[in-house]
Amino acid sequence: MERSLTDKALSEQRGMVGAAVVLALGLITAATIGAYTFYTVHTLDNTLAVTGSAMQTATADSGKLTVSVSRSALETTIPNVQARVSDDTQAVVKFFGDAGIAADQILVNPVSVDQEYSSDANAPRRYTIRQQIVAQSDDAEAIDKLSKNIGSLSAKGVIVSVNPPEYYISMLPQIRIALIGKAVQDARARAMEIASSTDRKVGALQSASSGVVQVMAPNSVNVADYGSYDTSTIEKQVMVTARAVFLLR
């Protein structure tokens, strides 16, 4: 009886192995058919799709610096502390103006009052009073200089929090257009290299589409599927990709 059960178990195990082999062969066959179909479609169309890229360096021609002034206050001292924050704000605005930033390029945001967290329920309530000032300029170097010198306000008792400066390229649309053409040329060069390995030649361009723009810091490889725009440096690298479809002959 024990032997009969063992034989039955072995038989079932062989059946499972056989089914697994059949399934594996089916998956391999399906993959082979898929690969052949993909190749056949391109062969029937006599086309070759290639992605090319082009890159150039660019210098930011505008920038932005965001500074916050803040002070802590008890609930009963909010009006007095708010007046001090206003004085701090005016000191920052004057600092920007003395550095050559035009008045219409300085934005003073509304004051915010936020309650500070405390784990002691019996402690007096405290608040942070904060105001943000933004300086913009068509001179990126001026913004860079501001960011490095803003700390001098602390000697005057002004408490500031400085965000990293941001630098932008105003001519980015024009640069993108120029790079698209170069990216298509790069795609043709790649297509010719691929086609030559199969004794084919690249014919006329059938279609082309541009990819996203990548604005990166020098020597950076930080790219994103939906494009990127690094604002941390004045000097940048702009890259554009293009997908081109060529006839083969």
Protein backbone atom coordinates (compact mmCIF):
# COMPACT_ATOMS: atom_id res chain seq x y z
CA MET A 1 0.00 0.00 0.00
CA GLU A 2 2.86 2.36 0.92
CA ARG A 3 4.59 1.53 -2.38
CA SER A 4 1.40 2.23 -4.32
CA LEU A 5 1.11 5.67 -2.73
CA THR A 6 4.76 6.39 -3.53
CA ASP A 7 4.27 5.43 -7.16
CA LYS A 8 1.23 7.68 -7.37
CA ALA A 9 3.15 10.63 -5.88
CA LEU A 10 6.01 10.09 -8.33
CA SER A 11 3.55 9.95 -11.21
CA GLU A 12 1.93 13.22 -10.14
CA GLN A 13 5.36 14.85 -9.71
CA ARG A 14 6.39 13.76 -13.24
CA GLY A 15 3.15 15.24 -14.55
CA MET A 16 3.84 18.57 -12.86
CA VAL A 17 7.39 18.66 -14.24
CA GLY A 18 6.06 17.86 -17.70
CA ALA A 19 3.53 20.65 -17.49
CA ALA A 20 6.24 23.07 -16.34
CA VAL A 21 8.43 22.11 -19.31
CA VAL A 22 5.55 22.60 -21.72
CA LEU A 23 4.77 26.00 -20.19
CA ALA A 24 8.43 27.07 -20.39
CA LEU A 25 8.65 25.99 -24.03
CA GLY A 26 5.46 27.92 -24.72
CA LEU A 27 6.91 31.08 -23.19
CA ILE A 28 10.14 30.69 -25.17
CA THR A 29 8.18 30.17 -28.38
CA ALA A 30 6.04 33.24 -27.69
CA ALA A 31 9.13 35.36 -27.04
CA THR A 32 10.73 34.12 -30.26
CA ILE A 33 7.62 34.95 -32.27
CA GLY A 34 7.47 38.40 -30.69
CA ALA A 35 11.08 39.15 -31.59
CA TYR A 36 10.60 37.92 -35.15
CA THR A 37 7.45 40.01 -35.58
CA PHE A 38 9.25 43.14 -34.41
CA TYR A 39 12.05 42.55 -36.90
CA THR A 40 9.64 41.71 -39.69
CA VAL A 41 7.65 44.90 -39.25
CA HIS A 42 10.78 46.99 -39.70
CA THR A 43 11.83 44.90 -42.65
CA LEU A 44 8.48 45.30 -44.37
CA ASP A 45 8.48 49.06 -43.74
CA ASN A 46 12.11 49.39 -44.81
CA THR A 47 12.60 51.96 -42.08
CA LEU A 48 15.00 52.47 -39.24
CA ALA A 49 14.12 54.49 -36.13
CA VAL A 50 17.04 56.02 -34.26
CA THR A 51 17.36 58.46 -31.37
CA GLY A 52 20.03 61.14 -31.59
CA SER A 53 21.14 63.81 -29.17
CA ALA A 54 22.92 67.17 -29.15
CA MET A 55 24.38 69.23 -26.33
CA GLN A 56 25.87 72.66 -25.82
CA THR A 57 27.05 74.79 -22.92
CA ALA A 58 25.04 77.86 -21.96
CA THR A 59 25.41 80.69 -19.45
CA ALA A 60 22.49 81.81 -17.32
CA ASP A 61 21.54 85.43 -17.94
CA SER A 62 19.09 85.93 -15.06
CA GLY A 63 18.74 84.87 -11.48
CA LYS A 64 16.68 84.95 -8.32
CA LEU A 65 17.53 85.05 -4.63
CA THR A 66 14.95 84.38 -1.92
CA VAL A 67 15.60 85.56 1.64
CA SER A 68 13.41 85.14 4.73
CA VAL A 69 13.53 87.14 7.96
CA SER A 70 11.93 85.67 11.05
CA ARG A 71 11.60 86.15 14.79
CA SER A 72 9.92 84.21 17.58
CA ALA A 73 7.27 85.84 19.78
CA LEU A 74 4.95 85.11 22.65
CA GLU A 75 1.27 85.64 21.97
CA THR A 76 1.36 88.90 23.94
CA THR A 77 4.41 90.25 22.09
CA ILE A 78 3.31 89.54 18.51
CA PRO A 79 2.68 93.23 17.61
CA ASN A 80 6.11 94.34 18.87
CA VAL A 81 7.96 91.44 17.23
CA GLN A 82 6.06 91.97 13.99
CA ALA A 83 7.35 95.54 13.96
CA ARG A 84 10.90 94.23 14.33
CA VAL A 85 10.35 91.82 11.44
CA SER A 86 9.17 94.77 9.36
CA ASP A 87 12.41 96.60 10.21
CA ASP A 88 14.42 93.52 9.22
CA THR A 89 12.56 93.38 5.93
CA GLN A 90 13.35 96.99 5.17
CA ALA A 91 17.01 96.32 5.94
CA VAL A 92 17.06 93.48 3.41
CA VAL A 93 15.28 95.60 0.79
CA LYS A 94 17.85 98.38 1.32
CA PHE A 95 20.67 95.83 1.05
CA PHE A 96 19.28 94.65 -2.30
CA GLY A 97 18.86 98.22 -3.53
CA ASP A 98 22.40 99.20 -2.52
CA ALA A 99 23.64 96.19 -4.49
CA GLY A 100 22.00 97.52 -7.65
CA ILE A 101 18.74 95.57 -7.69
CA ALA A 102 15.95 97.77 -9.11
CA ALA A 103 12.96 98.42 -6.86
CA ASP A 104 10.55 96.76 -9.31
CA GLN A 105 12.71 93.60 -9.16
CA ILE A 106 12.28 93.23 -5.39
CA LEU A 107 9.19 91.37 -4.21
CA VAL A 108 8.11 91.50 -0.56
CA ASN A 109 5.66 88.72 0.30
CA PRO A 110 3.01 89.00 3.03
CA VAL A 111 3.92 88.30 6.65
CA SER A 112 3.11 84.82 7.98
CA VAL A 113 2.50 83.96 11.65
CA ASP A 114 2.80 80.27 12.60
CA GLN A 115 2.37 78.71 16.00
CA GLU A 116 5.44 76.83 17.21
CA TYR A 117 5.04 73.23 18.34
CA SER A 118 5.59 72.41 22.01
CA SER A 119 5.25 69.08 23.79
CA ASP A 120 4.46 70.95 27.02
CA ALA A 121 0.74 71.71 27.06
CA ASN A 122 1.24 74.18 29.91
CA ALA A 123 3.98 76.18 28.20
CA PRO A 124 3.07 79.65 26.90
CA ARG A 125 2.21 79.67 23.23
CA ARG A 126 4.95 80.93 20.95
CA TYR A 127 4.76 81.98 17.31
CA THR A 128 7.19 82.43 14.44
CA ILE A 129 6.69 85.62 12.47
CA ARG A 130 8.25 85.38 9.02
CA GLN A 131 8.48 87.50 5.88
CA GLN A 132 10.00 86.56 2.53
CA ILE A 133 11.84 88.91 0.18
CA VAL A 134 12.73 87.93 -3.39
CA ALA A 135 15.34 89.68 -5.54
CA GLN A 136 15.43 89.12 -9.31
CA SER A 137 17.95 90.38 -11.83
CA ASP A 138 18.91 90.05 -15.47
CA ASP A 139 22.50 89.85 -14.19
CA ALA A 140 23.18 86.35 -12.88
CA GLU A 141 26.54 87.44 -11.49
CA ALA A 142 24.80 90.12 -9.40
CA ILE A 143 22.58 87.46 -7.82
CA ASP A 144 25.61 85.29 -7.14
CA LYS A 145 27.32 88.21 -5.40
CA LEU A 146 24.20 88.95 -3.34
CA SER A 147 23.99 85.35 -2.14
CA LYS A 148 27.59 85.46 -0.93
CA ASN A 149 27.31 88.82 0.85
CA ILE A 150 23.84 88.60 2.40
CA GLY A 151 25.34 87.18 5.58
CA SER A 152 26.79 90.60 6.39
CA LEU A 153 23.31 91.63 7.57
CA SER A 154 23.73 89.46 10.66
CA ALA A 155 26.28 91.99 11.96
CA LYS A 156 23.39 94.47 12.05
CA GLY A 157 21.19 92.11 14.04
CA VAL A 158 19.07 91.04 11.08
CA ILE A 159 18.25 87.32 11.22
CA VAL A 160 18.07 85.97 7.67
CA SER A 161 17.50 82.58 6.10
CA VAL A 162 18.79 82.35 2.54
CA ASN A 163 17.61 79.90 -0.09
CA PRO A 164 20.14 78.72 -2.69
CA PRO A 165 20.28 81.21 -5.59
CA GLU A 166 18.51 80.18 -8.80
CA TYR A 167 19.87 80.84 -12.28
CA TYR A 168 17.93 80.74 -15.57
CA ILE A 169 18.52 80.91 -19.32
CA SER A 170 16.15 83.28 -21.10
CA MET A 171 17.26 82.07 -24.56
CA LEU A 172 16.39 78.43 -23.87
CA PRO A 173 13.66 78.20 -26.59
CA GLN A 174 16.12 79.39 -29.27
CA ILE A 175 18.82 77.01 -28.02
CA ARG A 176 16.34 74.14 -28.12
CA ILE A 177 15.42 74.81 -31.75
CA ALA A 178 19.08 74.87 -32.79
CA LEU A 179 19.82 71.65 -30.91
CA ILE A 180 16.89 69.75 -32.45
CA GLY A 181 18.46 70.04 -35.91
CA LYS A 182 21.81 68.83 -34.57
CA ALA A 183 20.10 65.93 -32.76
CA VAL A 184 18.48 64.80 -36.03
CA GLN A 185 21.91 64.96 -37.71
CA ASP A 186 23.29 62.81 -34.91
CA ALA A 187 20.43 60.36 -35.41
CA ARG A 188 21.28 60.10 -39.14
CA ALA A 189 24.95 59.42 -38.32
CA ARG A 190 23.91 56.65 -35.94
CA ALA A 191 21.47 55.23 -38.49
CA MET A 192 24.22 55.12 -41.13
CA GLU A 193 26.48 53.24 -38.73
CA ILE A 194 23.75 50.72 -37.97
CA ALA A 195 22.72 50.29 -41.60
CA SER A 196 26.30 49.78 -42.82
CA SER A 197 26.60 46.68 -40.65
CA THR A 198 23.81 45.07 -42.70
CA ASP A 199 24.95 46.37 -46.11
CA ARG A 200 22.05 48.80 -46.27
CA LYS A 201 22.04 52.54 -46.87
CA VAL A 202 20.08 55.26 -45.18
CA GLY A 203 17.61 57.10 -47.37
CA ALA A 204 15.27 60.03 -46.84
CA LEU A 205 14.01 61.15 -43.47
CA GLN A 206 10.44 59.96 -43.01
CA SER A 207 9.59 61.64 -39.70
CA ALA A 208 11.20 63.22 -36.68
CA SER A 209 10.08 64.25 -33.22
CA SER A 210 11.93 66.09 -30.49
CA GLY A 211 12.34 64.83 -26.96
CA VAL A 212 12.43 66.72 -23.70
CA VAL A 213 15.02 69.33 -22.81
CA GLN A 214 17.58 68.58 -20.12
CA VAL A 215 19.23 71.62 -18.50
CA MET A 216 22.01 70.28 -16.32
CA ALA A 217 24.91 71.47 -14.23
CA PRO A 218 28.32 71.00 -15.92
CA ASN A 219 29.46 67.36 -15.99
CA SER A 220 26.12 66.22 -14.59
CA VAL A 221 24.25 63.10 -15.68
CA ASN A 222 21.02 63.94 -13.86
CA VAL A 223 18.39 63.52 -16.56
CA ALA A 224 14.68 62.82 -16.19
CA ASP A 225 12.04 61.25 -18.44
CA TYR A 226 10.02 64.46 -18.39
CA GLY A 227 13.00 66.79 -18.70
CA SER A 228 15.04 68.59 -16.06
CA TYR A 229 16.08 72.14 -15.24
CA ASP A 230 18.96 72.57 -12.83
CA THR A 231 18.99 76.10 -11.39
CA SER A 232 21.97 75.76 -9.07
CA THR A 233 24.75 76.93 -11.43
CA ILE A 234 25.36 79.85 -13.77
CA GLU A 235 27.14 77.66 -16.31
CA LYS A 236 24.93 74.89 -17.66
CA GLN A 237 24.72 72.12 -20.24
CA VAL A 238 21.61 71.92 -22.42
CA MET A 239 20.80 68.60 -24.09
CA VAL A 240 18.01 67.75 -26.52
CA THR A 241 17.10 64.38 -28.01
CA ALA A 242 15.29 63.65 -31.27
CA ARG A 243 13.76 60.45 -32.61
CA ALA A 244 14.10 60.12 -36.38
CA VAL A 245 12.77 57.49 -38.79
CA PHE A 246 14.73 56.92 -42.04
CA LEU A 247 14.03 54.88 -45.14
CA LEU A 248 16.46 52.05 -45.82
CA ARG A 249 17.54 51.14 -49.31
